[in-house]
Amino acid sequence: MGLKHEDSARFSMLLATPIIIGASIIEVPKLIHTDITGLFQISLIGRIASGIVAFFSVWALMKWFHTNEISAMRPFAWYCWLVGSGVLISQFVLR
């Protein structure tokens, strides 16, 4: 599409926002009305921790894209090949 890696990553993060908000609207009332003691507080701590980790992950991703525009996706491509191969091999071995 002609977008830079940094712009496409920013756009994909924007696309995820309505999905996260929608899931929160559906799931938070269930957490509030559950009978398990402390589940809402634990989930709130988890939500805050995941938000902080996500922020720094996106920050690192943007920094990586900004400094390595040409070869920015190469590590991700190697990761996909390795994980995909591992999944395929494990499917044949575990049968």
N, C-alpha and C. Protein backbone atom coordinates (compact mmCIF):
# COMPACT_ATOMS: atom_id res chain seq x y z
N MET A 1 0.82 -1.20 0.00
CA MET A 1 0.00 0.00 0.00
C MET A 1 0.86 1.26 0.00
N GLY A 2 2.15 1.11 0.13
CA GLY A 2 3.02 2.27 0.09
C GLY A 2 3.23 2.95 1.44
N LEU A 3 2.74 2.36 2.50
CA LEU A 3 2.96 2.94 3.83
C LEU A 3 4.32 2.55 4.36
N LYS A 4 4.87 3.41 5.18
CA LYS A 4 6.09 3.05 5.88
C LYS A 4 5.72 2.06 6.98
N HIS A 5 6.69 1.28 7.43
CA HIS A 5 6.43 0.29 8.48
C HIS A 5 5.89 0.95 9.74
N GLU A 6 6.44 2.09 10.09
CA GLU A 6 6.01 2.79 11.29
C GLU A 6 4.55 3.21 11.19
N ASP A 7 4.15 3.72 10.02
CA ASP A 7 2.76 4.14 9.83
C ASP A 7 1.79 2.96 9.84
N SER A 8 2.18 1.85 9.23
CA SER A 8 1.29 0.69 9.24
C SER A 8 1.16 0.08 10.63
N ALA A 9 2.23 0.11 11.42
CA ALA A 9 2.15 -0.39 12.80
C ALA A 9 1.24 0.51 13.63
N ARG A 10 1.35 1.81 13.46
CA ARG A 10 0.49 2.74 14.18
C ARG A 10 -0.98 2.52 13.78
N PHE A 11 -1.23 2.31 12.50
CA PHE A 11 -2.59 2.08 12.02
C PHE A 11 -3.17 0.79 12.60
N SER A 12 -2.36 -0.27 12.67
CA SER A 12 -2.86 -1.53 13.22
C SER A 12 -3.16 -1.40 14.71
N MET A 13 -2.40 -0.59 15.43
CA MET A 13 -2.71 -0.34 16.84
C MET A 13 -4.02 0.42 16.98
N LEU A 14 -4.27 1.36 16.08
CA LEU A 14 -5.54 2.09 16.11
C LEU A 14 -6.71 1.16 15.80
N LEU A 15 -6.51 0.19 14.92
CA LEU A 15 -7.58 -0.76 14.61
C LEU A 15 -7.92 -1.65 15.79
N ALA A 16 -6.96 -1.92 16.64
CA ALA A 16 -7.20 -2.80 17.80
C ALA A 16 -7.97 -2.10 18.91
N THR A 17 -7.95 -0.78 18.95
CA THR A 17 -8.58 -0.04 20.04
C THR A 17 -10.07 -0.32 20.18
N PRO A 18 -10.89 -0.25 19.11
CA PRO A 18 -12.32 -0.54 19.29
C PRO A 18 -12.60 -1.97 19.74
N ILE A 19 -11.78 -2.91 19.33
CA ILE A 19 -11.96 -4.31 19.75
C ILE A 19 -11.69 -4.45 21.24
N ILE A 20 -10.65 -3.81 21.73
CA ILE A 20 -10.32 -3.87 23.15
C ILE A 20 -11.42 -3.21 23.98
N ILE A 21 -11.91 -2.06 23.52
CA ILE A 21 -12.98 -1.37 24.24
C ILE A 21 -14.26 -2.21 24.24
N GLY A 22 -14.59 -2.82 23.11
CA GLY A 22 -15.78 -3.67 23.03
C GLY A 22 -15.69 -4.88 23.95
N ALA A 23 -14.53 -5.51 23.98
CA ALA A 23 -14.34 -6.65 24.88
C ALA A 23 -14.46 -6.22 26.34
N SER A 24 -13.95 -5.03 26.66
CA SER A 24 -14.07 -4.53 28.03
C SER A 24 -15.52 -4.28 28.40
N ILE A 25 -16.29 -3.73 27.47
CA ILE A 25 -17.71 -3.46 27.74
C ILE A 25 -18.45 -4.76 28.02
N ILE A 26 -18.09 -5.81 27.35
CA ILE A 26 -18.77 -7.10 27.54
C ILE A 26 -18.28 -7.82 28.79
N GLU A 27 -16.98 -7.81 29.05
CA GLU A 27 -16.41 -8.65 30.11
C GLU A 27 -16.35 -8.00 31.49
N VAL A 28 -16.20 -6.69 31.59
CA VAL A 28 -16.07 -6.05 32.90
C VAL A 28 -17.31 -6.27 33.77
N PRO A 29 -18.53 -6.13 33.25
CA PRO A 29 -19.69 -6.42 34.11
C PRO A 29 -19.71 -7.86 34.62
N LYS A 30 -19.24 -8.80 33.82
CA LYS A 30 -19.17 -10.20 34.28
C LYS A 30 -18.19 -10.33 35.44
N LEU A 31 -17.07 -9.62 35.35
CA LEU A 31 -16.07 -9.68 36.42
C LEU A 31 -16.60 -9.06 37.71
N ILE A 32 -17.36 -7.98 37.58
CA ILE A 32 -17.89 -7.30 38.76
C ILE A 32 -18.90 -8.19 39.48
N HIS A 33 -19.72 -8.91 38.73
CA HIS A 33 -20.80 -9.70 39.33
C HIS A 33 -20.42 -11.15 39.61
N THR A 34 -19.18 -11.52 39.50
CA THR A 34 -18.78 -12.88 39.79
C THR A 34 -18.67 -13.11 41.30
N ASP A 35 -18.76 -14.35 41.71
CA ASP A 35 -18.72 -14.68 43.13
C ASP A 35 -17.30 -14.91 43.65
N ILE A 36 -16.32 -14.91 42.77
CA ILE A 36 -14.94 -15.16 43.19
C ILE A 36 -14.38 -13.89 43.83
N THR A 37 -13.92 -14.02 45.06
CA THR A 37 -13.42 -12.87 45.81
C THR A 37 -12.11 -12.35 45.23
N GLY A 38 -12.07 -11.06 44.96
CA GLY A 38 -10.85 -10.43 44.50
C GLY A 38 -10.55 -10.58 43.02
N LEU A 39 -11.44 -11.21 42.26
CA LEU A 39 -11.16 -11.43 40.83
C LEU A 39 -11.10 -10.11 40.07
N PHE A 40 -11.99 -9.18 40.41
CA PHE A 40 -11.98 -7.89 39.71
C PHE A 40 -10.68 -7.14 39.99
N GLN A 41 -10.21 -7.17 41.24
CA GLN A 41 -8.97 -6.47 41.57
C GLN A 41 -7.77 -7.10 40.87
N ILE A 42 -7.75 -8.42 40.83
CA ILE A 42 -6.65 -9.12 40.14
C ILE A 42 -6.67 -8.80 38.66
N SER A 43 -7.85 -8.79 38.06
CA SER A 43 -7.94 -8.48 36.63
C SER A 43 -7.58 -7.03 36.36
N LEU A 44 -7.89 -6.14 37.29
CA LEU A 44 -7.51 -4.74 37.13
C LEU A 44 -5.99 -4.59 37.17
N ILE A 45 -5.34 -5.29 38.08
CA ILE A 45 -3.87 -5.26 38.14
C ILE A 45 -3.28 -5.83 36.85
N GLY A 46 -3.85 -6.93 36.37
CA GLY A 46 -3.39 -7.52 35.12
C GLY A 46 -3.58 -6.59 33.94
N ARG A 47 -4.71 -5.89 33.93
CA ARG A 47 -4.98 -4.94 32.84
C ARG A 47 -3.98 -3.80 32.85
N ILE A 48 -3.67 -3.28 34.03
CA ILE A 48 -2.69 -2.19 34.13
C ILE A 48 -1.31 -2.67 33.72
N ALA A 49 -0.91 -3.86 34.18
CA ALA A 49 0.40 -4.40 33.81
C ALA A 49 0.50 -4.65 32.32
N SER A 50 -0.55 -5.22 31.73
CA SER A 50 -0.50 -5.47 30.28
C SER A 50 -0.51 -4.17 29.49
N GLY A 51 -1.19 -3.14 30.00
CA GLY A 51 -1.16 -1.84 29.33
C GLY A 51 0.22 -1.23 29.34
N ILE A 52 0.91 -1.33 30.47
CA ILE A 52 2.27 -0.79 30.58
C ILE A 52 3.22 -1.55 29.64
N VAL A 53 3.13 -2.88 29.65
CA VAL A 53 3.99 -3.69 28.77
C VAL A 53 3.68 -3.40 27.30
N ALA A 54 2.39 -3.27 26.97
CA ALA A 54 2.01 -2.97 25.59
C ALA A 54 2.55 -1.61 25.16
N PHE A 55 2.48 -0.62 26.05
CA PHE A 55 3.00 0.71 25.72
C PHE A 55 4.49 0.65 25.39
N PHE A 56 5.26 -0.02 26.25
CA PHE A 56 6.70 -0.10 25.99
C PHE A 56 7.02 -0.98 24.79
N SER A 57 6.22 -1.99 24.53
CA SER A 57 6.43 -2.83 23.35
C SER A 57 6.20 -2.03 22.08
N VAL A 58 5.13 -1.26 22.04
CA VAL A 58 4.85 -0.43 20.87
C VAL A 58 5.92 0.64 20.73
N TRP A 59 6.36 1.21 21.84
CA TRP A 59 7.43 2.21 21.78
C TRP A 59 8.69 1.61 21.17
N ALA A 60 9.06 0.40 21.62
CA ALA A 60 10.26 -0.26 21.08
C ALA A 60 10.06 -0.60 19.61
N LEU A 61 8.86 -1.04 19.24
CA LEU A 61 8.57 -1.36 17.85
C LEU A 61 8.69 -0.12 16.97
N MET A 62 8.16 0.99 17.41
CA MET A 62 8.25 2.23 16.64
C MET A 62 9.69 2.69 16.51
N LYS A 63 10.44 2.56 17.59
CA LYS A 63 11.86 2.94 17.53
C LYS A 63 12.61 2.05 16.54
N TRP A 64 12.30 0.73 16.57
CA TRP A 64 12.93 -0.20 15.65
C TRP A 64 12.60 0.14 14.21
N PHE A 65 11.32 0.43 13.93
CA PHE A 65 10.91 0.78 12.57
C PHE A 65 11.54 2.08 12.11
N HIS A 66 11.69 3.02 13.04
CA HIS A 66 12.26 4.31 12.67
C HIS A 66 13.73 4.20 12.29
N THR A 67 14.47 3.33 12.97
CA THR A 67 15.91 3.22 12.69
C THR A 67 16.22 2.18 11.62
N ASN A 68 15.34 1.21 11.38
CA ASN A 68 15.61 0.13 10.43
C ASN A 68 14.49 0.01 9.39
N GLU A 69 14.23 1.07 8.69
CA GLU A 69 13.09 1.10 7.76
C GLU A 69 13.19 0.01 6.69
N ILE A 70 14.35 -0.21 6.14
CA ILE A 70 14.49 -1.14 5.02
C ILE A 70 14.37 -2.59 5.48
N SER A 71 15.08 -2.97 6.51
CA SER A 71 15.11 -4.37 6.93
C SER A 71 14.34 -4.60 8.23
N ALA A 72 13.35 -3.77 8.51
CA ALA A 72 12.66 -3.83 9.80
C ALA A 72 11.89 -5.12 10.01
N MET A 73 11.35 -5.70 8.97
CA MET A 73 10.51 -6.88 9.12
C MET A 73 11.29 -8.19 9.06
N ARG A 74 12.57 -8.14 8.77
CA ARG A 74 13.36 -9.36 8.65
C ARG A 74 13.36 -10.21 9.92
N PRO A 75 13.57 -9.63 11.13
CA PRO A 75 13.50 -10.47 12.35
C PRO A 75 12.12 -11.10 12.54
N PHE A 76 11.06 -10.38 12.21
CA PHE A 76 9.73 -10.94 12.33
C PHE A 76 9.52 -12.08 11.33
N ALA A 77 10.06 -11.94 10.14
CA ALA A 77 9.95 -13.01 9.14
C ALA A 77 10.67 -14.26 9.63
N TRP A 78 11.87 -14.10 10.18
CA TRP A 78 12.59 -15.26 10.72
C TRP A 78 11.82 -15.90 11.87
N TYR A 79 11.23 -15.08 12.72
CA TYR A 79 10.42 -15.58 13.83
C TYR A 79 9.24 -16.40 13.29
N CYS A 80 8.55 -15.88 12.28
CA CYS A 80 7.41 -16.61 11.71
C CYS A 80 7.84 -17.94 11.11
N TRP A 81 8.96 -17.94 10.41
CA TRP A 81 9.46 -19.19 9.83
C TRP A 81 9.80 -20.20 10.92
N LEU A 82 10.49 -19.76 11.96
CA LEU A 82 10.89 -20.67 13.03
C LEU A 82 9.69 -21.21 13.81
N VAL A 83 8.80 -20.34 14.20
CA VAL A 83 7.63 -20.78 14.97
C VAL A 83 6.72 -21.65 14.10
N GLY A 84 6.51 -21.24 12.85
CA GLY A 84 5.69 -22.05 11.95
C GLY A 84 6.27 -23.43 11.72
N SER A 85 7.57 -23.50 11.53
CA SER A 85 8.23 -24.80 11.35
C SER A 85 8.11 -25.64 12.62
N GLY A 86 8.30 -25.00 13.76
CA GLY A 86 8.18 -25.73 15.02
C GLY A 86 6.78 -26.27 15.24
N VAL A 87 5.78 -25.50 14.89
CA VAL A 87 4.38 -25.97 15.03
C VAL A 87 4.11 -27.14 14.08
N LEU A 88 4.56 -27.01 12.85
CA LEU A 88 4.35 -28.11 11.89
C LEU A 88 5.07 -29.38 12.34
N ILE A 89 6.30 -29.25 12.77
CA ILE A 89 7.06 -30.42 13.23
C ILE A 89 6.40 -31.03 14.46
N SER A 90 5.95 -30.19 15.40
CA SER A 90 5.32 -30.74 16.60
C SER A 90 4.00 -31.44 16.28
N GLN A 91 3.31 -31.00 15.26
CA GLN A 91 2.06 -31.65 14.86
C GLN A 91 2.32 -33.06 14.32
N PHE A 92 3.41 -33.21 13.59
CA PHE A 92 3.73 -34.53 13.04
C PHE A 92 4.34 -35.44 14.10
N VAL A 93 5.11 -34.89 15.03
CA VAL A 93 5.75 -35.69 16.05
C VAL A 93 4.75 -36.15 17.11
N LEU A 94 3.81 -35.28 17.48
CA LEU A 94 2.87 -35.60 18.55
C LEU A 94 1.70 -36.47 18.12
N ARG A 95 1.59 -36.79 16.86
CA ARG A 95 0.51 -37.64 16.38
C ARG A 95 0.71 -39.05 16.71
